[in-house]
Amino acid sequence: MGFDRARWQERLDLLRASHHVPGAALAVLAEGEIHELASGVLHRGTGVEVTTDSVFQSGSIAKAYTATLVMQLVDSGELRLDSRVVDVLPGFAVADDEVTRSVTIGRLLSHTSGIAGDFTHDTGRGDDCLARYVEACANLGQDCPQGTVVSYCSTGYAILGRIVEVVTGQTWDDALRDRLLAPLGLEHSMTLPEEALRFRVAMSHLGELGKEPEPAPVWDMLPRSAGPSGRVLVTAADVVRFARMHLDGGTAPDGTRVLSAASAATMRRRVVDCLDQWTFMAAGWGYGWALYDWDGVAGFGHDGATLGQFSYLRVVPGSGVVAALLTNGGGATGLFVELFQELLGELAGVRMPAAFAPAVEPQPVDVAALAGTYEREGMRITIGERNGVPRLRLQLTGGNAGFSPPIETDLVAVSDTVLAMPGLGPVSVPWLPLVFGTVPDGTPYVYFGMRAAPKIA
């Protein structure tokens, strides 16, 4: 079925407004053609409209770009997936000596290193920011044992960014531009805020779900060292062009070979299953891509979030459909789910699941079996109960402490091992999952944001 531009513009406008999203940009590859749509405003204070060439923060979609750079170096023979990080980065260390000695590039790409994943550390704006960041990882602990489960790890992608620098002799920013953005003609993609000043740029917005959000106090809270894991600034169409290269086996539309077909396939080869299948709506993870299973229809992609901007990318290889949605606040995930359920259903025959939510009548749960304190780098989670109702206290720690004050809230039971937390704070969904499990050695963990936090008390 062809792409009905007028119809999808109407749906984007309607759903964006109903979910209180200030502005959104949508790009869709269907039947070999990229279609671009825009809706709303870049900044509610100025009223400047979103256009198809407007630039948004992509958040963690940046990880797929960094993974692609790494796989280019695998293609050239300069790296292998089983290369040990310490052999590429002399002096590299984390707190666990065995992980220091043995962790590989493949572990970092697939989020199976177990290294504490949210080490937010501002090392300045200089070209040495990633080198200094990696040096600061020397005392960084583990969220879980290496190679046991997927535990989302932004830290690992900052380390991968530094590996790219050491092997190429360029900064990560320059390597991305020269080796990926330029060959693909992605002229509206960049990494540094000053580069974005040439374009119409989306402002982040914050506020309670269900209400119109207000412009954030600052445009970008990420340090430069977070670039490889969280900051490629993009238009929706450029995201689709990047994903199209992967869909086409590593070639650009003009035939330029950007990545080998083998490496493009390797990036979406399933490495690990996801115990938490709600946070990223993913069934598993590859070497850089989240992997989806829509009732037997395979797909890949990635989500991203910064403080007040949310991005979504889905690729359906069997039908050649790619869709990217960029937003600047509000109930963005609700907009994404409703819109993509319709869009991918019509264009690709995909039945995408609904957003995570508890049942109307929650089932009873033995809170005592889950109660305790769980901690990982940047976050402490305490599970208890009040009047028989599960209750949570969530406190950001370390470098994350300034992002939000402690949160306390009742939880709703979904099952014996899954609790639902109301979407409080700068999030785009009404409910967030807490998934309880153990690693092979029997240590209890809670997965929140698909990050594993071990029970410490």
Protein backbone atom coordinates (compact mmCIF):
# COMPACT_ATOMS: atom_id res chain seq x y z
CA MET A 1 0.00 0.00 0.00
CA GLY A 2 1.39 3.42 -0.95
CA PHE A 3 2.23 6.18 1.51
CA ASP A 4 -0.77 8.52 1.88
CA ARG A 5 1.01 11.72 2.89
CA ALA A 6 -2.12 13.72 3.71
CA ARG A 7 -3.52 10.97 5.88
CA TRP A 8 -0.33 10.46 7.88
CA GLN A 9 0.13 14.20 8.32
CA GLU A 10 -3.37 14.36 9.78
CA ARG A 11 -2.64 11.44 12.12
CA LEU A 12 0.69 12.92 13.21
CA ASP A 13 -0.92 16.28 13.96
CA LEU A 14 -3.82 14.74 15.87
CA LEU A 15 -1.79 12.28 17.93
CA ARG A 16 0.95 14.80 18.68
CA ALA A 17 -1.61 17.23 20.09
CA SER A 18 -3.50 14.56 22.05
CA HIS A 19 -0.29 13.40 23.75
CA HIS A 20 0.85 16.97 24.52
CA VAL A 21 4.03 16.67 22.46
CA PRO A 22 5.15 20.19 21.48
CA GLY A 23 6.85 19.18 18.23
CA ALA A 24 7.64 16.10 16.18
CA ALA A 25 9.33 15.12 12.95
CA LEU A 26 8.58 11.86 11.14
CA ALA A 27 10.40 10.23 8.24
CA VAL A 28 9.33 6.98 6.57
CA LEU A 29 11.02 4.86 3.92
CA ALA A 30 8.34 3.00 1.97
CA GLU A 31 8.56 1.47 -1.49
CA GLY A 32 12.04 2.94 -1.89
CA GLU A 33 11.07 6.56 -1.20
CA ILE A 34 11.65 8.66 1.91
CA HIS A 35 8.63 10.70 3.04
CA GLU A 36 9.14 13.56 5.53
CA LEU A 37 6.51 15.11 7.81
CA ALA A 38 6.67 17.72 10.57
CA SER A 39 4.20 18.91 13.20
CA GLY A 40 4.02 21.41 16.06
CA VAL A 41 6.66 23.78 17.38
CA LEU A 42 10.36 23.60 18.19
CA HIS A 43 9.92 25.80 21.26
CA ARG A 44 6.64 26.61 22.98
CA GLY A 45 8.07 29.92 24.15
CA THR A 46 8.89 31.19 20.66
CA GLY A 47 6.30 29.34 18.61
CA VAL A 48 8.82 28.53 15.87
CA GLU A 49 7.37 25.68 13.83
CA VAL A 50 8.98 22.30 13.29
CA THR A 51 10.05 21.72 9.69
CA THR A 52 11.35 18.55 8.07
CA ASP A 53 14.91 19.91 8.23
CA SER A 54 14.71 20.62 11.99
CA VAL A 55 17.40 19.05 14.17
CA PHE A 56 16.62 17.05 17.32
CA GLN A 57 18.72 15.24 19.91
CA SER A 58 18.71 11.52 19.08
CA GLY A 59 19.76 10.29 22.53
CA SER A 60 20.80 6.64 22.54
CA ILE A 61 20.19 6.15 18.83
CA ALA A 62 23.76 7.51 18.76
CA LYS A 63 24.90 4.09 19.98
CA ALA A 64 23.99 2.53 16.62
CA TYR A 65 26.23 5.09 14.90
CA THR A 66 29.15 4.30 17.23
CA ALA A 67 28.59 0.56 16.73
CA THR A 68 28.74 1.12 12.97
CA LEU A 69 32.10 2.91 13.30
CA VAL A 70 33.42 -0.03 15.33
CA MET A 71 32.21 -2.53 12.75
CA GLN A 72 33.93 -0.52 10.00
CA LEU A 73 37.16 -1.13 11.90
CA VAL A 74 36.29 -4.82 12.10
CA ASP A 75 35.90 -4.74 8.31
CA SER A 76 39.36 -3.20 7.94
CA GLY A 77 40.90 -5.86 10.17
CA GLU A 78 41.95 -3.33 12.81
CA LEU A 79 39.53 -4.75 15.40
CA ARG A 80 37.72 -8.02 16.12
CA LEU A 81 34.60 -8.60 18.18
CA ASP A 82 36.70 -10.76 20.50
CA SER A 83 39.47 -8.13 20.77
CA ARG A 84 40.12 -7.40 24.42
CA VAL A 85 39.60 -3.75 25.31
CA VAL A 86 42.82 -3.68 27.32
CA ASP A 87 44.78 -4.71 24.23
CA VAL A 88 43.40 -1.75 22.27
CA LEU A 89 43.45 0.76 25.13
CA PRO A 90 46.64 0.23 27.14
CA GLY A 91 46.01 1.32 30.71
CA PHE A 92 42.27 0.65 30.52
CA ALA A 93 40.89 -0.56 33.84
CA VAL A 94 37.70 -0.93 35.84
CA ALA A 95 37.40 -2.01 39.47
CA ASP A 96 37.01 -5.71 38.69
CA ASP A 97 40.44 -7.03 37.68
CA GLU A 98 39.00 -9.98 35.75
CA VAL A 99 36.72 -7.71 33.73
CA THR A 100 39.66 -5.38 33.08
CA ARG A 101 41.66 -8.32 31.76
CA SER A 102 38.99 -10.03 29.69
CA VAL A 103 36.16 -7.71 28.59
CA THR A 104 35.86 -7.58 24.81
CA ILE A 105 34.56 -5.18 22.23
CA GLY A 106 31.70 -7.58 21.54
CA ARG A 107 30.63 -7.43 25.18
CA LEU A 108 30.51 -3.64 25.06
CA LEU A 109 28.53 -3.61 21.81
CA SER A 110 25.92 -6.08 23.12
CA HIS A 111 25.50 -4.57 26.62
CA THR A 112 26.78 -7.76 28.25
CA SER A 113 29.94 -6.42 29.91
CA GLY A 114 28.14 -5.92 33.23
CA ILE A 115 30.11 -2.69 33.74
CA ALA A 116 28.16 -0.01 35.61
CA GLY A 117 26.20 1.49 32.79
CA ASP A 118 25.31 5.05 33.80
CA PHE A 119 28.63 6.59 34.74
CA THR A 120 27.93 10.25 34.02
CA HIS A 121 31.22 12.12 34.24
CA ASP A 122 31.90 15.50 32.67
CA THR A 123 35.49 15.63 31.45
CA GLY A 124 35.17 18.96 29.67
CA ARG A 125 34.86 20.07 26.07
CA GLY A 126 38.40 19.30 24.96
CA ASP A 127 39.37 16.72 22.34
CA ASP A 128 40.77 14.61 25.20
CA CYS A 129 37.36 14.23 26.88
CA LEU A 130 36.95 10.53 26.05
CA ALA A 131 40.53 9.70 27.04
CA ARG A 132 39.93 11.36 30.39
CA TYR A 133 36.56 9.63 30.75
CA VAL A 134 38.12 6.19 30.25
CA GLU A 135 40.82 7.03 32.81
CA ALA A 136 38.06 7.88 35.29
CA CYS A 137 36.53 4.40 34.84
CA ALA A 138 39.37 2.82 36.86
CA ASN A 139 37.27 2.55 40.03
CA LEU A 140 34.00 1.74 38.28
CA GLY A 141 32.26 -1.38 39.54
CA GLN A 142 29.94 -3.94 37.98
CA ASP A 143 26.17 -3.81 37.82
CA CYS A 144 26.17 -7.56 37.16
CA PRO A 145 28.68 -10.30 36.29
CA GLN A 146 30.12 -10.10 32.78
CA GLY A 147 28.38 -12.16 30.12
CA THR A 148 25.35 -13.17 32.19
CA VAL A 149 22.52 -10.85 31.11
CA VAL A 150 21.92 -7.76 29.03
CA SER A 151 22.29 -4.66 31.20
CA TYR A 152 22.09 -1.45 29.23
CA CYS A 153 25.49 0.23 29.35
CA SER A 154 26.11 3.75 28.11
CA THR A 155 29.53 3.60 29.77
CA GLY A 156 30.54 0.84 27.37
CA TYR A 157 29.71 2.98 24.37
CA ALA A 158 31.82 5.86 25.66
CA ILE A 159 34.68 3.33 25.93
CA LEU A 160 33.94 2.20 22.36
CA GLY A 161 34.11 5.83 21.27
CA ARG A 162 37.59 6.06 22.75
CA ILE A 163 38.57 2.83 20.97
CA VAL A 164 37.51 4.45 17.69
CA GLU A 165 39.75 7.42 18.50
CA VAL A 166 42.81 5.31 19.31
CA VAL A 167 42.49 3.12 16.21
CA THR A 168 41.68 5.91 13.74
CA GLY A 169 43.83 8.70 15.20
CA GLN A 170 40.79 11.01 15.04
CA THR A 171 38.40 12.32 17.62
CA TRP A 172 35.17 10.34 17.75
CA ASP A 173 33.34 13.39 16.37
CA ASP A 174 35.66 13.66 13.37
CA ALA A 175 35.66 9.91 12.73
CA LEU A 176 31.87 9.89 12.71
CA ARG A 177 31.73 12.80 10.29
CA ASP A 178 34.42 11.55 7.91
CA ARG A 179 33.69 7.82 7.96
CA LEU A 180 29.91 7.72 8.22
CA LEU A 181 28.03 11.00 7.94
CA ALA A 182 29.87 12.33 4.86
CA PRO A 183 29.82 9.08 2.83
CA LEU A 184 26.07 8.83 3.43
CA GLY A 185 25.45 12.49 2.63
CA LEU A 186 23.94 13.15 6.06
CA GLU A 187 24.32 16.91 5.90
CA HIS A 188 21.88 17.55 8.75
CA SER A 189 23.63 15.27 11.26
CA MET A 190 26.34 16.43 13.68
CA THR A 191 27.65 15.93 17.21
CA LEU A 192 28.48 19.30 18.75
CA PRO A 193 26.02 22.02 19.84
CA GLU A 194 27.83 24.77 17.96
CA GLU A 195 27.41 22.78 14.73
CA ALA A 196 23.66 22.69 15.29
CA LEU A 197 23.46 26.50 15.28
CA ARG A 198 23.35 26.38 11.46
CA PHE A 199 19.92 24.72 11.61
CA ARG A 200 16.47 24.97 13.15
CA VAL A 201 16.94 23.18 16.47
CA ALA A 202 14.35 21.63 18.78
CA MET A 203 14.26 22.74 22.40
CA SER A 204 13.61 20.16 25.10
CA HIS A 205 10.39 20.45 27.11
CA LEU A 206 9.62 19.13 30.60
CA GLY A 207 6.44 18.68 32.60
CA GLU A 208 3.86 16.29 33.99
CA LEU A 209 2.34 13.75 31.64
CA GLY A 210 -1.09 14.76 30.44
CA LYS A 211 -0.25 18.46 30.54
CA GLU A 212 1.47 20.82 28.12
CA PRO A 213 5.21 20.76 28.97
CA GLU A 214 7.31 23.89 29.27
CA PRO A 215 10.73 24.61 27.73
CA ALA A 216 13.58 23.08 29.72
CA PRO A 217 15.98 25.43 31.55
CA VAL A 218 18.87 24.30 29.34
CA TRP A 219 19.01 22.83 25.85
CA ASP A 220 21.45 20.01 26.54
CA MET A 221 22.68 18.51 29.81
CA LEU A 222 25.00 15.90 28.29
CA PRO A 223 28.78 16.36 28.52
CA ARG A 224 30.85 15.93 25.37
CA SER A 225 32.11 12.57 26.66
CA ALA A 226 28.54 11.24 26.29
CA GLY A 227 28.67 11.74 22.52
CA PRO A 228 29.28 8.09 21.50
CA SER A 229 26.43 6.90 23.70
CA GLY A 230 23.93 9.70 23.50
CA ARG A 231 24.46 12.67 21.24
CA VAL A 232 24.19 12.64 17.51
CA LEU A 233 22.06 15.60 16.46
CA VAL A 234 19.84 14.67 13.53
CA THR A 235 16.83 15.18 11.33
CA ALA A 236 14.33 12.36 11.04
CA ALA A 237 15.18 11.83 7.38
CA ASP A 238 18.91 11.53 8.15
CA VAL A 239 18.13 8.82 10.72
CA VAL A 240 16.17 6.94 8.06
CA ARG A 241 19.04 7.34 5.56
CA PHE A 242 21.46 5.92 8.12
CA ALA A 243 19.16 2.95 8.81
CA ARG A 244 18.58 2.45 5.09
CA MET A 245 22.29 1.82 4.64
CA HIS A 246 22.00 -1.04 7.15
CA LEU A 247 18.86 -2.31 5.45
CA ASP A 248 20.70 -2.28 2.11
CA GLY A 249 23.58 -4.39 3.42
CA GLY A 250 26.01 -1.54 4.10
CA THR A 251 25.77 0.48 0.89
CA ALA A 252 24.72 4.08 0.32
CA PRO A 253 22.10 4.89 -2.34
CA ASP A 254 24.87 5.85 -4.80
CA GLY A 255 26.49 2.42 -4.35
CA THR A 256 29.25 3.57 -1.97
CA ARG A 257 30.24 0.72 0.34
CA VAL A 258 30.07 2.09 3.90
CA LEU A 259 29.95 -1.21 5.79
CA SER A 260 30.36 -4.79 4.67
CA ALA A 261 27.22 -6.84 4.24
CA ALA A 262 28.63 -9.30 6.77
CA SER A 263 29.08 -6.60 9.41
CA ALA A 264 25.63 -5.14 8.74
CA ALA A 265 24.19 -8.60 9.36
CA THR A 266 26.38 -9.17 12.42
CA MET A 267 25.10 -6.01 14.09
CA ARG A 268 21.59 -7.44 14.13
CA ARG A 269 22.53 -11.00 15.02
CA ARG A 270 20.89 -11.92 18.29
CA VAL A 271 23.46 -12.11 21.08
CA VAL A 272 21.27 -12.08 24.18
CA ASP A 273 17.59 -12.20 25.14
CA CYS A 274 16.01 -9.35 27.12
CA LEU A 275 14.40 -10.25 30.44
CA ASP A 276 12.86 -6.77 30.41
CA GLN A 277 10.96 -6.73 27.12
CA TRP A 278 9.06 -3.51 27.84
CA THR A 279 11.57 -0.68 28.36
CA PHE A 280 12.89 -0.83 24.80
CA MET A 281 10.08 -3.10 23.56
CA ALA A 282 12.90 -5.43 22.45
CA ALA A 283 13.05 -9.22 22.56
CA GLY A 284 16.83 -9.32 22.32
CA TRP A 285 19.99 -7.39 21.54
CA GLY A 286 22.61 -7.66 18.83
CA TYR A 287 25.95 -5.90 18.32
CA GLY A 288 24.49 -2.41 18.36
CA TRP A 289 20.79 -2.90 17.53
CA ALA A 290 17.73 -3.66 19.61
CA LEU A 291 15.94 -6.64 18.05
CA TYR A 292 12.16 -6.99 17.81
CA ASP A 293 9.83 -9.93 17.25
CA TRP A 294 6.40 -8.77 16.17
CA ASP A 295 4.44 -12.05 16.15
CA GLY A 296 7.14 -13.67 14.05
CA VAL A 297 8.03 -10.59 11.99
CA ALA A 298 11.63 -9.62 12.72
CA GLY A 299 12.80 -6.04 13.05
CA PHE A 300 15.59 -3.93 14.45
CA GLY A 301 16.06 -0.37 15.63
CA HIS A 302 16.76 1.75 18.70
CA ASP A 303 15.13 4.27 21.03
CA GLY A 304 16.76 7.34 22.51
CA ALA A 305 16.08 9.87 25.24
CA THR A 306 17.74 12.96 26.62
CA LEU A 307 16.27 15.24 29.26
CA GLY A 308 13.12 16.29 27.40
CA GLN A 309 13.64 14.80 23.93
CA PHE A 310 12.68 11.29 22.78
CA SER A 311 13.47 9.44 19.56
CA TYR A 312 12.34 6.17 17.99
CA LEU A 313 13.65 4.13 15.04
CA ARG A 314 12.12 0.95 13.65
CA VAL A 315 13.27 -1.10 10.64
CA VAL A 316 11.26 -3.96 9.09
CA PRO A 317 13.68 -5.73 6.73
CA GLY A 318 11.07 -8.04 5.22
CA SER A 319 9.06 -5.16 3.84
CA GLY A 320 11.81 -2.57 3.35
CA VAL A 321 10.10 -0.11 5.71
CA VAL A 322 12.04 2.27 7.96
CA ALA A 323 10.39 4.83 10.25
CA ALA A 324 11.97 7.43 12.55
CA LEU A 325 10.13 9.74 14.93
CA LEU A 326 11.84 12.61 16.79
CA THR A 327 10.08 14.59 19.54
CA ASN A 328 10.84 17.35 22.03
CA GLY A 329 8.83 16.38 25.12
CA GLY A 330 5.42 15.45 26.45
CA GLY A 331 3.88 12.00 26.18
CA ALA A 332 6.18 11.06 23.33
CA THR A 333 6.04 7.29 23.80
CA GLY A 334 2.25 7.33 23.68
CA LEU A 335 2.45 9.22 20.39
CA PHE A 336 5.07 6.79 19.09
CA VAL A 337 3.12 3.65 20.01
CA GLU A 338 -0.20 4.79 18.60
CA LEU A 339 1.31 6.20 15.42
CA PHE A 340 3.66 3.29 14.71
CA GLN A 341 1.02 0.67 15.47
CA GLU A 342 -0.99 2.17 12.62
CA LEU A 343 1.95 3.03 10.38
CA LEU A 344 3.85 -0.26 10.58
CA GLY A 345 0.62 -2.20 10.58
CA GLU A 346 -0.44 -0.69 7.27
CA LEU A 347 2.92 -0.44 5.53
CA ALA A 348 4.68 -3.54 6.88
CA GLY A 349 2.02 -5.84 8.29
CA VAL A 350 3.51 -5.52 11.78
CA ARG A 351 1.48 -5.88 14.98
CA MET A 352 3.48 -3.72 17.38
CA PRO A 353 2.56 -4.23 21.06
CA ALA A 354 0.93 -1.64 23.26
CA ALA A 355 2.91 0.37 25.77
CA PHE A 356 3.63 -1.24 29.12
CA ALA A 357 0.83 -0.89 31.69
CA PRO A 358 -0.58 -2.92 34.61
CA ALA A 359 -3.97 -4.59 34.45
CA VAL A 360 -7.01 -2.63 35.61
CA GLU A 361 -7.35 -5.10 38.49
CA PRO A 362 -3.79 -5.71 39.72
CA GLN A 363 -3.01 -9.13 41.14
CA PRO A 364 -1.73 -9.57 44.70
CA VAL A 365 2.01 -10.00 45.10
CA ASP A 366 4.30 -11.14 47.90
CA VAL A 367 6.14 -7.88 48.41
CA ALA A 368 8.43 -9.42 51.03
CA ALA A 369 9.98 -11.63 48.35
CA LEU A 370 11.01 -8.53 46.37
CA ALA A 371 11.70 -6.06 49.18
CA GLY A 372 15.16 -4.67 49.77
CA THR A 373 17.69 -2.15 48.50
CA TYR A 374 19.10 -2.51 44.99
CA GLU A 375 21.94 -0.33 43.77
CA ARG A 376 23.91 0.31 40.63
CA GLU A 377 26.10 3.20 39.48
CA GLY A 378 24.01 6.36 39.59
CA MET A 379 20.88 4.90 41.20
CA ARG A 380 19.62 3.36 44.44
CA ILE A 381 16.22 1.61 44.44
CA THR A 382 14.46 0.60 47.66
CA ILE A 383 11.42 -1.67 47.50
CA GLY A 384 9.13 -1.91 50.52
CA GLU A 385 5.44 -1.75 51.28
CA ARG A 386 2.88 0.48 52.92
CA ASN A 387 -0.48 -0.92 53.99
CA GLY A 388 0.20 -4.00 51.89
CA VAL A 389 0.93 -1.97 48.75
CA PRO A 390 4.39 -2.21 47.15
CA ARG A 391 6.29 1.04 47.43
CA LEU A 392 9.45 2.43 45.85
CA ARG A 393 12.05 5.00 46.75
CA LEU A 394 14.34 5.91 43.87
CA GLN A 395 17.39 8.08 44.44
CA LEU A 396 19.88 9.21 41.82
CA THR A 397 23.46 9.14 43.06
CA GLY A 398 26.95 10.14 41.97
CA GLY A 399 27.12 12.07 38.71
CA ASN A 400 23.38 11.60 38.15
CA ALA A 401 22.36 13.18 41.47
CA GLY A 402 21.60 16.59 39.99
CA PHE A 403 19.12 15.34 37.42
CA SER A 404 16.22 14.67 39.81
CA PRO A 405 15.36 14.72 43.53
CA PRO A 406 14.48 11.39 45.20
CA ILE A 407 11.17 9.90 44.12
CA GLU A 408 8.77 7.94 46.34
CA THR A 409 5.67 6.27 44.96
CA ASP A 410 3.35 3.30 45.28
CA LEU A 411 3.78 0.49 42.75
CA VAL A 412 1.27 -1.78 41.03
CA ALA A 413 1.85 -5.51 40.69
CA VAL A 414 1.85 -6.94 37.16
CA SER A 415 3.07 -10.42 38.15
CA ASP A 416 5.14 -12.10 40.84
CA THR A 417 8.27 -10.70 39.20
CA VAL A 418 7.10 -7.45 37.56
CA LEU A 419 5.97 -4.24 39.24
CA ALA A 420 4.76 -1.07 37.51
CA MET A 421 5.91 2.37 38.57
CA PRO A 422 3.94 5.50 37.61
CA GLY A 423 5.85 7.58 35.08
CA LEU A 424 7.03 10.37 37.35
CA GLY A 425 9.67 12.93 36.48
CA PRO A 426 11.07 13.67 32.99
CA VAL A 427 9.75 10.53 31.28
CA SER A 428 7.40 10.07 28.35
CA VAL A 429 5.31 7.10 29.50
CA PRO A 430 2.61 6.64 32.15
CA TRP A 431 4.14 3.39 33.48
CA LEU A 432 7.68 2.06 33.88
CA PRO A 433 8.50 -1.63 34.51
CA LEU A 434 10.60 -3.03 37.33
CA VAL A 435 11.50 -6.62 36.45
CA PHE A 436 12.93 -8.88 39.16
CA GLY A 437 15.21 -11.83 38.49
CA THR A 438 18.52 -13.45 39.33
CA VAL A 439 21.80 -14.00 37.54
CA PRO A 440 23.27 -17.53 37.32
CA ASP A 441 25.06 -17.23 40.69
CA GLY A 442 21.68 -16.63 42.36
CA THR A 443 22.13 -12.94 43.18
CA PRO A 444 18.77 -11.10 43.05
CA TYR A 445 18.53 -8.16 40.67
CA VAL A 446 15.93 -5.64 39.62
CA TYR A 447 15.94 -4.39 36.04
CA PHE A 448 14.88 -0.76 35.77
CA GLY A 449 15.37 0.99 32.46
CA MET A 450 16.79 -2.37 31.34
CA ARG A 451 19.72 -1.78 33.67
CA ALA A 452 20.48 -4.48 36.23
CA ALA A 453 20.79 -3.38 39.84
CA PRO A 454 21.93 -6.05 42.34
CA LYS A 455 20.30 -6.41 45.74
CA ILE A 456 22.66 -5.09 48.40
CA ALA A 457 20.45 -5.26 51.51
